[in-house]
């Protein structure tokens, strides 16, 4: 996953299944401004469609 931040922010990346149920918190921490790459491996998940939500707060 690639994302950019205009300023240092607390970032959460949460993974949901197609029922809207939270499956996993991929990231939950303060990150400096700039572009970032997060590796995510879904080896332990059942096959299917998943959605992720990125939230950044100051």
PDB file of N, CA and C in Angstrom:
ATOM      1  N   UNK A   1       0.840  -1.166   0.000  1.00  0.00           N
ATOM      2  CA  UNK A   1       0.000   0.000   0.000  1.00  0.00           C
ATOM      3  C   UNK A   1       0.888   1.232   0.000  1.00  0.00           C
ATOM      4  N   UNK A   2       0.564   2.179  -0.843  1.00  0.00           N
ATOM      5  CA  UNK A   2       1.294   3.439  -0.908  1.00  0.00           C
ATOM      6  C   UNK A   2       0.371   4.569  -0.479  1.00  0.00           C
ATOM      7  N   UNK A   3       0.904   5.489   0.319  1.00  0.00           N
ATOM      8  CA  UNK A   3       0.120   6.659   0.711  1.00  0.00           C
ATOM      9  C   UNK A   3       1.063   7.796   1.060  1.00  0.00           C
ATOM     10  N   UNK A   4       0.531   9.017   0.998  1.00  0.00           N
ATOM     11  CA  UNK A   4       1.314  10.202   1.315  1.00  0.00           C
ATOM     12  C   UNK A   4       0.630  11.023   2.389  1.00  0.00           C
ATOM     13  N   UNK A   5       1.443  11.677   3.210  1.00  0.00           N
ATOM     14  CA  UNK A   5       0.933  12.535   4.279  1.00  0.00           C
ATOM     15  C   UNK A   5       1.515  13.934   4.123  1.00  0.00           C
ATOM     16  N   UNK A   6       0.680  14.974   4.159  1.00  0.00           N
ATOM     17  CA  UNK A   6       1.197  16.335   4.049  1.00  0.00           C
ATOM     18  C   UNK A   6       1.917  16.793   5.317  1.00  0.00           C
ATOM     19  N   UNK A   7       1.592  16.159   6.461  1.00  0.00           N
ATOM     20  CA  UNK A   7       2.266  16.473   7.724  1.00  0.00           C
ATOM     21  C   UNK A   7       2.209  15.258   8.635  1.00  0.00           C
ATOM     22  N   UNK A   8       3.030  15.265   9.668  1.00  0.00           N
ATOM     23  CA  UNK A   8       3.059  14.162  10.618  1.00  0.00           C
ATOM     24  C   UNK A   8       1.658  13.921  11.170  1.00  0.00           C
ATOM     25  N   UNK A   9       1.230  12.665  11.145  1.00  0.00           N
ATOM     26  CA  UNK A   9      -0.138  12.322  11.543  1.00  0.00           C
ATOM     27  C   UNK A   9      -0.183  10.952  12.204  1.00  0.00           C
ATOM     28  N   UNK A  10      -1.218  10.740  13.006  1.00  0.00           N
ATOM     29  CA  UNK A  10      -1.509   9.411  13.530  1.00  0.00           C
ATOM     30  C   UNK A  10      -2.304   8.690  12.449  1.00  0.00           C
ATOM     31  N   UNK A  11      -1.805   7.550  12.007  1.00  0.00           N
ATOM     32  CA  UNK A  11      -2.407   6.830  10.882  1.00  0.00           C
ATOM     33  C   UNK A  11      -2.918   5.466  11.337  1.00  0.00           C
ATOM     34  N   UNK A  12      -4.121   5.142  10.894  1.00  0.00           N
ATOM     35  CA  UNK A  12      -4.679   3.809  11.105  1.00  0.00           C
ATOM     36  C   UNK A  12      -5.074   3.236   9.755  1.00  0.00           C
ATOM     37  N   UNK A  13      -4.684   1.994   9.529  1.00  0.00           N
ATOM     38  CA  UNK A  13      -5.126   1.257   8.346  1.00  0.00           C
ATOM     39  C   UNK A  13      -5.850   0.021   8.865  1.00  0.00           C
ATOM     40  N   UNK A  14      -7.134  -0.068   8.536  1.00  0.00           N
ATOM     41  CA  UNK A  14      -7.969  -1.157   9.033  1.00  0.00           C
ATOM     42  C   UNK A  14      -8.517  -1.949   7.856  1.00  0.00           C
ATOM     43  N   UNK A  15      -8.500  -3.266   7.992  1.00  0.00           N
ATOM     44  CA  UNK A  15      -8.979  -4.174   6.954  1.00  0.00           C
ATOM     45  C   UNK A  15     -10.374  -4.684   7.325  1.00  0.00           C
ATOM     46  N   UNK A  16     -11.291  -4.663   6.337  1.00  0.00           N
ATOM     47  CA  UNK A  16     -12.669  -5.117   6.541  1.00  0.00           C
ATOM     48  C   UNK A  16     -13.023  -6.191   5.518  1.00  0.00           C
ATOM     49  N   UNK A  17     -13.937  -7.082   5.904  1.00  0.00           N
ATOM     50  CA  UNK A  17     -14.458  -8.055   4.940  1.00  0.00           C
ATOM     51  C   UNK A  17     -15.674  -7.464   4.230  1.00  0.00           C
ATOM     52  N   UNK A  18     -16.284  -8.232   3.350  1.00  0.00           N
ATOM     53  CA  UNK A  18     -17.412  -7.710   2.569  1.00  0.00           C
ATOM     54  C   UNK A  18     -18.672  -7.494   3.404  1.00  0.00           C
ATOM     55  N   UNK A  19     -18.699  -8.016   4.625  1.00  0.00           N
ATOM     56  CA  UNK A  19     -19.831  -7.781   5.530  1.00  0.00           C
ATOM     57  C   UNK A  19     -19.629  -6.516   6.358  1.00  0.00           C
ATOM     58  N   UNK A  20     -18.480  -5.858   6.158  1.00  0.00           N
ATOM     59  CA  UNK A  20     -18.178  -4.647   6.910  1.00  0.00           C
ATOM     60  C   UNK A  20     -17.594  -4.924   8.277  1.00  0.00           C
ATOM     61  N   UNK A  21     -17.215  -6.172   8.518  1.00  0.00           N
ATOM     62  CA  UNK A  21     -16.632  -6.547   9.806  1.00  0.00           C
ATOM     63  C   UNK A  21     -15.130  -6.281   9.798  1.00  0.00           C
ATOM     64  N   UNK A  22     -14.634  -5.734  10.891  1.00  0.00           N
ATOM     65  CA  UNK A  22     -13.202  -5.477  11.021  1.00  0.00           C
ATOM     66  C   UNK A  22     -12.468  -6.809  11.111  1.00  0.00           C
ATOM     67  N   UNK A  23     -11.490  -6.989  10.229  1.00  0.00           N
ATOM     68  CA  UNK A  23     -10.714  -8.220  10.179  1.00  0.00           C
ATOM     69  C   UNK A  23      -9.372  -8.036  10.876  1.00  0.00           C
ATOM     70  N   UNK A  24      -8.750  -6.861  10.664  1.00  0.00           N
ATOM     71  CA  UNK A  24      -7.409  -6.641  11.194  1.00  0.00           C
ATOM     72  C   UNK A  24      -7.066  -5.159  11.194  1.00  0.00           C
ATOM     73  N   UNK A  25      -6.250  -4.760  12.160  1.00  0.00           N
ATOM     74  CA  UNK A  25      -5.641  -3.431  12.135  1.00  0.00           C
ATOM     75  C   UNK A  25      -4.240  -3.619  11.579  1.00  0.00           C
ATOM     76  N   UNK A  26      -4.007  -3.093  10.400  1.00  0.00           N
ATOM     77  CA  UNK A  26      -2.724  -3.266   9.720  1.00  0.00           C
ATOM     78  C   UNK A  26      -1.683  -2.306  10.273  1.00  0.00           C
ATOM     79  N   UNK A  27      -2.114  -1.088  10.603  1.00  0.00           N
ATOM     80  CA  UNK A  27      -1.196  -0.065  11.106  1.00  0.00           C
ATOM     81  C   UNK A  27      -1.958   0.847  12.049  1.00  0.00           C
ATOM     82  N   UNK A  28      -1.291   1.256  13.126  1.00  0.00           N
ATOM     83  CA  UNK A  28      -1.889   2.194  14.075  1.00  0.00           C
ATOM     84  C   UNK A  28      -0.752   2.900  14.807  1.00  0.00           C
ATOM     85  N   UNK A  29      -0.238   3.989  14.196  1.00  0.00           N
ATOM     86  CA  UNK A  29       0.868   4.713  14.820  1.00  0.00           C
ATOM     87  C   UNK A  29       1.071   6.078  14.169  1.00  0.00           C
ATOM     88  N   UNK A  30       1.888   6.885  14.807  1.00  0.00           N
ATOM     89  CA  UNK A  30       2.225   8.213  14.295  1.00  0.00           C
ATOM     90  C   UNK A  30       3.300   8.063  13.222  1.00  0.00           C
ATOM     91  N   UNK A  31       3.080   8.741  12.090  1.00  0.00           N
ATOM     92  CA  UNK A  31       4.003   8.643  10.955  1.00  0.00           C
ATOM     93  C   UNK A  31       4.346  10.045  10.473  1.00  0.00           C
ATOM     94  N   UNK A  32       5.601  10.233  10.113  1.00  0.00           N
ATOM     95  CA  UNK A  32       6.074  11.528   9.622  1.00  0.00           C
ATOM     96  C   UNK A  32       5.511  11.843   8.239  1.00  0.00           C
ATOM     97  N   UNK A  33       5.516  13.118   7.899  1.00  0.00           N
ATOM     98  CA  UNK A  33       5.063  13.574   6.583  1.00  0.00           C
ATOM     99  C   UNK A  33       5.897  12.913   5.486  1.00  0.00           C
ATOM    100  N   UNK A  34       5.288  12.762   4.308  1.00  0.00           N
ATOM    101  CA  UNK A  34       5.983  12.186   3.163  1.00  0.00           C
ATOM    102  C   UNK A  34       5.217  11.007   2.592  1.00  0.00           C
ATOM    103  N   UNK A  35       5.857  10.340   1.641  1.00  0.00           N
ATOM    104  CA  UNK A  35       5.247   9.175   1.008  1.00  0.00           C
ATOM    105  C   UNK A  35       5.739   7.916   1.702  1.00  0.00           C
ATOM    106  N   UNK A  36       4.832   6.961   1.874  1.00  0.00           N
ATOM    107  CA  UNK A  36       5.152   5.745   2.616  1.00  0.00           C
ATOM    108  C   UNK A  36       4.622   4.519   1.886  1.00  0.00           C
ATOM    109  N   UNK A  37       5.289   3.401   2.115  1.00  0.00           N
ATOM    110  CA  UNK A  37       4.882   2.115   1.562  1.00  0.00           C
ATOM    111  C   UNK A  37       4.751   1.130   2.718  1.00  0.00           C
ATOM    112  N   UNK A  38       3.609   0.467   2.788  1.00  0.00           N
ATOM    113  CA  UNK A  38       3.367  -0.523   3.829  1.00  0.00           C
ATOM    114  C   UNK A  38       3.173  -1.876   3.151  1.00  0.00           C
ATOM    115  N   UNK A  39       3.963  -2.862   3.561  1.00  0.00           N
ATOM    116  CA  UNK A  39       3.789  -4.217   3.042  1.00  0.00           C
ATOM    117  C   UNK A  39       2.701  -4.914   3.846  1.00  0.00           C
ATOM    118  N   UNK A  40       1.816  -5.587   3.152  1.00  0.00           N
ATOM    119  CA  UNK A  40       0.750  -6.338   3.809  1.00  0.00           C
ATOM    120  C   UNK A  40       0.644  -7.706   3.156  1.00  0.00           C
ATOM    121  N   UNK A  41       0.736  -8.728   3.969  1.00  0.00           N
ATOM    122  CA  UNK A  41       0.660 -10.096   3.466  1.00  0.00           C
ATOM    123  C   UNK A  41      -0.626 -10.740   3.982  1.00  0.00           C
ATOM    124  N   UNK A  42      -1.427 -11.252   3.075  1.00  0.00           N
ATOM    125  CA  UNK A  42      -2.730 -11.813   3.425  1.00  0.00           C
ATOM    126  C   UNK A  42      -2.702 -13.340   3.484  1.00  0.00           C
ATOM    127  N   UNK A  43      -1.544 -13.905   3.743  1.00  0.00           N
ATOM    128  CA  UNK A  43      -1.400 -15.364   3.767  1.00  0.00           C
ATOM    129  C   UNK A  43      -2.337 -16.037   4.767  1.00  0.00           C
ATOM    130  N   UNK A  44      -2.621 -15.357   5.876  1.00  0.00           N
ATOM    131  CA  UNK A  44      -3.428 -15.967   6.934  1.00  0.00           C
ATOM    132  C   UNK A  44      -4.929 -15.681   6.779  1.00  0.00           C
ATOM    133  N   UNK A  45      -5.324 -15.032   5.691  1.00  0.00           N
ATOM    134  CA  UNK A  45      -6.736 -14.704   5.470  1.00  0.00           C
ATOM    135  C   UNK A  45      -7.385 -15.697   4.508  1.00  0.00           C
ATOM    136  N   UNK A  46      -8.679 -15.899   4.694  1.00  0.00           N
ATOM    137  CA  UNK A  46      -9.437 -16.719   3.743  1.00  0.00           C
ATOM    138  C   UNK A  46      -9.475 -15.995   2.401  1.00  0.00           C
ATOM    139  N   UNK A  47      -9.595 -16.758   1.319  1.00  0.00           N
ATOM    140  CA  UNK A  47      -9.696 -16.108   0.013  1.00  0.00           C
ATOM    141  C   UNK A  47     -11.001 -15.325  -0.046  1.00  0.00           C
ATOM    142  N   UNK A  48     -10.990 -14.232  -0.773  1.00  0.00           N
ATOM    143  CA  UNK A  48     -12.172 -13.392  -0.874  1.00  0.00           C
ATOM    144  C   UNK A  48     -11.808 -11.947  -1.117  1.00  0.00           C
ATOM    145  N   UNK A  49     -12.804 -11.080  -1.019  1.00  0.00           N
ATOM    146  CA  UNK A  49     -12.627  -9.649  -1.248  1.00  0.00           C
ATOM    147  C   UNK A  49     -12.540  -8.946   0.098  1.00  0.00           C
ATOM    148  N   UNK A  50     -11.573  -8.042   0.208  1.00  0.00           N
ATOM    149  CA  UNK A  50     -11.390  -7.257   1.427  1.00  0.00           C
ATOM    150  C   UNK A  50     -11.235  -5.789   1.046  1.00  0.00           C
ATOM    151  N   UNK A  51     -11.555  -4.918   1.972  1.00  0.00           N
ATOM    152  CA  UNK A  51     -11.421  -3.479   1.784  1.00  0.00           C
ATOM    153  C   UNK A  51     -10.559  -2.926   2.904  1.00  0.00           C
ATOM    154  N   UNK A  52      -9.778  -1.892   2.601  1.00  0.00           N
ATOM    155  CA  UNK A  52      -9.035  -1.254   3.677  1.00  0.00           C
ATOM    156  C   UNK A  52      -9.390   0.222   3.738  1.00  0.00           C
ATOM    157  N   UNK A  53      -9.295   0.753   4.951  1.00  0.00           N
ATOM    158  CA  UNK A  53      -9.593   2.164   5.207  1.00  0.00           C
ATOM    159  C   UNK A  53      -8.358   2.788   5.837  1.00  0.00           C
ATOM    160  N   UNK A  54      -7.917   3.903   5.271  1.00  0.00           N
ATOM    161  CA  UNK A  54      -6.797   4.650   5.837  1.00  0.00           C
ATOM    162  C   UNK A  54      -7.347   5.927   6.447  1.00  0.00           C
ATOM    163  N   UNK A  55      -7.046   6.141   7.725  1.00  0.00           N
ATOM    164  CA  UNK A  55      -7.462   7.349   8.430  1.00  0.00           C
ATOM    165  C   UNK A  55      -6.218   8.028   8.977  1.00  0.00           C
ATOM    166  N   UNK A  56      -6.097   9.341   8.748  1.00  0.00           N
ATOM    167  CA  UNK A  56      -4.960  10.105   9.264  1.00  0.00           C
ATOM    168  C   UNK A  56      -5.486  11.316  10.024  1.00  0.00           C
ATOM    169  N   UNK A  57      -5.064  11.438  11.273  1.00  0.00           N
ATOM    170  CA  UNK A  57      -5.437  12.567  12.128  1.00  0.00           C
ATOM    171  C   UNK A  57      -4.179  13.228  12.652  1.00  0.00           C
ATOM    172  N   UNK A  58      -4.240  14.519  12.858  1.00  0.00           N
ATOM    173  CA  UNK A  58      -3.084  15.244  13.387  1.00  0.00           C
ATOM    174  C   UNK A  58      -2.855  14.896  14.836  1.00  0.00           C
TER     175      UNK A  58
END
